[in-house]
């Protein structure tokens, strides 16, 4: 889970550059078998920014996390919660 903290910090940094209400960002790391699930909450107004047009932004975030975690033995998943 040490790597999860680094990845969580990285994701928070990226999200802060995307959303307007930075104080509403909440990231919770949950371990499920061999997968670390990062559960993200943002304000209602910023959900569209995080998802992006046709889901391109959230796909890009997931791809970044996949690349970032390539050197670890853990898989990373990203969930955007309401």
C-alpha atoms as a PDB file:
ATOM      1  CA  UNK A   1       0.000   0.000   0.000  1.00  0.00           C
ATOM      2  CA  UNK A   2       3.049   2.274   0.123  1.00  0.00           C
ATOM      3  CA  UNK A   3       2.900   2.574  -3.656  1.00  0.00           C
ATOM      4  CA  UNK A   4      -0.806   3.349  -3.377  1.00  0.00           C
ATOM      5  CA  UNK A   5      -0.006   6.506  -1.405  1.00  0.00           C
ATOM      6  CA  UNK A   6       2.338   7.733  -4.153  1.00  0.00           C
ATOM      7  CA  UNK A   7      -0.224   6.980  -6.831  1.00  0.00           C
ATOM      8  CA  UNK A   8      -2.954   8.630  -4.758  1.00  0.00           C
ATOM      9  CA  UNK A   9      -0.819  11.777  -4.416  1.00  0.00           C
ATOM     10  CA  UNK A  10      -0.149  11.778  -8.153  1.00  0.00           C
ATOM     11  CA  UNK A  11      -3.856  11.437  -8.945  1.00  0.00           C
ATOM     12  CA  UNK A  12      -4.728  14.239  -6.533  1.00  0.00           C
ATOM     13  CA  UNK A  13      -2.169  16.498  -8.230  1.00  0.00           C
ATOM     14  CA  UNK A  14      -3.659  15.764 -11.666  1.00  0.00           C
ATOM     15  CA  UNK A  15      -7.252  16.227 -10.472  1.00  0.00           C
ATOM     16  CA  UNK A  16      -6.401  19.587  -8.902  1.00  0.00           C
ATOM     17  CA  UNK A  17      -5.412  20.837 -12.350  1.00  0.00           C
ATOM     18  CA  UNK A  18      -8.718  19.660 -13.853  1.00  0.00           C
ATOM     19  CA  UNK A  19     -11.412  20.654 -11.337  1.00  0.00           C
ATOM     20  CA  UNK A  20     -12.497  24.081 -10.149  1.00  0.00           C
ATOM     21  CA  UNK A  21     -13.469  23.109  -6.579  1.00  0.00           C
ATOM     22  CA  UNK A  22     -10.162  21.652  -5.395  1.00  0.00           C
ATOM     23  CA  UNK A  23     -11.297  21.423  -1.763  1.00  0.00           C
ATOM     24  CA  UNK A  24     -14.030  18.928  -2.762  1.00  0.00           C
ATOM     25  CA  UNK A  25     -11.578  16.291  -4.052  1.00  0.00           C
ATOM     26  CA  UNK A  26     -11.662  13.092  -2.012  1.00  0.00           C
ATOM     27  CA  UNK A  27      -9.616   9.990  -2.868  1.00  0.00           C
ATOM     28  CA  UNK A  28      -9.961   6.747  -0.953  1.00  0.00           C
ATOM     29  CA  UNK A  29      -7.695   3.771  -1.686  1.00  0.00           C
ATOM     30  CA  UNK A  30      -9.329   0.358  -1.192  1.00  0.00           C
ATOM     31  CA  UNK A  31      -7.499  -2.969  -1.526  1.00  0.00           C
ATOM     32  CA  UNK A  32      -9.431  -5.681  -3.388  1.00  0.00           C
ATOM     33  CA  UNK A  33      -7.472  -8.899  -3.902  1.00  0.00           C
ATOM     34  CA  UNK A  34      -4.456  -7.768  -5.971  1.00  0.00           C
ATOM     35  CA  UNK A  35      -6.088  -4.541  -7.160  1.00  0.00           C
ATOM     36  CA  UNK A  36      -5.925  -1.116  -5.555  1.00  0.00           C
ATOM     37  CA  UNK A  37      -9.152   0.749  -6.276  1.00  0.00           C
ATOM     38  CA  UNK A  38      -8.919   4.523  -6.054  1.00  0.00           C
ATOM     39  CA  UNK A  39     -12.397   5.844  -5.305  1.00  0.00           C
ATOM     40  CA  UNK A  40     -12.639   9.492  -6.317  1.00  0.00           C
ATOM     41  CA  UNK A  41     -15.275  11.999  -5.335  1.00  0.00           C
ATOM     42  CA  UNK A  42     -15.485  15.530  -6.725  1.00  0.00           C
ATOM     43  CA  UNK A  43     -18.213  18.158  -6.669  1.00  0.00           C
ATOM     44  CA  UNK A  44     -21.235  17.671  -8.916  1.00  0.00           C
ATOM     45  CA  UNK A  45     -20.119  20.592 -11.060  1.00  0.00           C
ATOM     46  CA  UNK A  46     -16.708  19.028 -11.655  1.00  0.00           C
ATOM     47  CA  UNK A  47     -17.860  15.485 -12.497  1.00  0.00           C
ATOM     48  CA  UNK A  48     -18.251  16.417 -16.156  1.00  0.00           C
ATOM     49  CA  UNK A  49     -14.722  17.818 -16.235  1.00  0.00           C
ATOM     50  CA  UNK A  50     -13.304  14.593 -14.796  1.00  0.00           C
ATOM     51  CA  UNK A  51     -15.301  12.397 -17.196  1.00  0.00           C
ATOM     52  CA  UNK A  52     -14.643  14.603 -20.210  1.00  0.00           C
ATOM     53  CA  UNK A  53     -16.254  14.576 -23.608  1.00  0.00           C
ATOM     54  CA  UNK A  54     -17.106  10.994 -24.601  1.00  0.00           C
ATOM     55  CA  UNK A  55     -15.265   9.816 -21.460  1.00  0.00           C
ATOM     56  CA  UNK A  56     -11.869  10.757 -22.867  1.00  0.00           C
ATOM     57  CA  UNK A  57     -10.584  12.411 -19.688  1.00  0.00           C
ATOM     58  CA  UNK A  58     -11.431   9.519 -17.352  1.00  0.00           C
ATOM     59  CA  UNK A  59      -9.938   7.059 -19.865  1.00  0.00           C
ATOM     60  CA  UNK A  60      -6.768   9.140 -19.964  1.00  0.00           C
ATOM     61  CA  UNK A  61      -6.603   9.226 -16.165  1.00  0.00           C
ATOM     62  CA  UNK A  62      -6.959   5.452 -16.043  1.00  0.00           C
ATOM     63  CA  UNK A  63      -4.238   5.059 -18.661  1.00  0.00           C
ATOM     64  CA  UNK A  64      -1.925   7.369 -16.667  1.00  0.00           C
ATOM     65  CA  UNK A  65      -2.509   5.324 -13.521  1.00  0.00           C
ATOM     66  CA  UNK A  66      -1.792   2.152 -15.443  1.00  0.00           C
ATOM     67  CA  UNK A  67       1.507   3.571 -16.682  1.00  0.00           C
ATOM     68  CA  UNK A  68       2.372   4.945 -13.249  1.00  0.00           C
ATOM     69  CA  UNK A  69       1.796   1.558 -11.621  1.00  0.00           C
ATOM     70  CA  UNK A  70       3.664  -0.447 -14.270  1.00  0.00           C
ATOM     71  CA  UNK A  71       6.715  -0.809 -12.018  1.00  0.00           C
ATOM     72  CA  UNK A  72       4.695  -2.268  -9.162  1.00  0.00           C
ATOM     73  CA  UNK A  73       3.111  -5.661  -8.603  1.00  0.00           C
ATOM     74  CA  UNK A  74      -0.317  -4.062  -8.074  1.00  0.00           C
ATOM     75  CA  UNK A  75      -3.053  -3.258 -10.565  1.00  0.00           C
ATOM     76  CA  UNK A  76      -4.762   0.114 -10.176  1.00  0.00           C
ATOM     77  CA  UNK A  77      -8.425   0.846 -10.879  1.00  0.00           C
ATOM     78  CA  UNK A  78     -10.164   4.214 -10.800  1.00  0.00           C
ATOM     79  CA  UNK A  79     -13.794   4.657  -9.762  1.00  0.00           C
ATOM     80  CA  UNK A  80     -15.580   7.999  -9.933  1.00  0.00           C
ATOM     81  CA  UNK A  81     -18.227   7.988  -7.202  1.00  0.00           C
ATOM     82  CA  UNK A  82     -21.252  10.251  -6.919  1.00  0.00           C
END
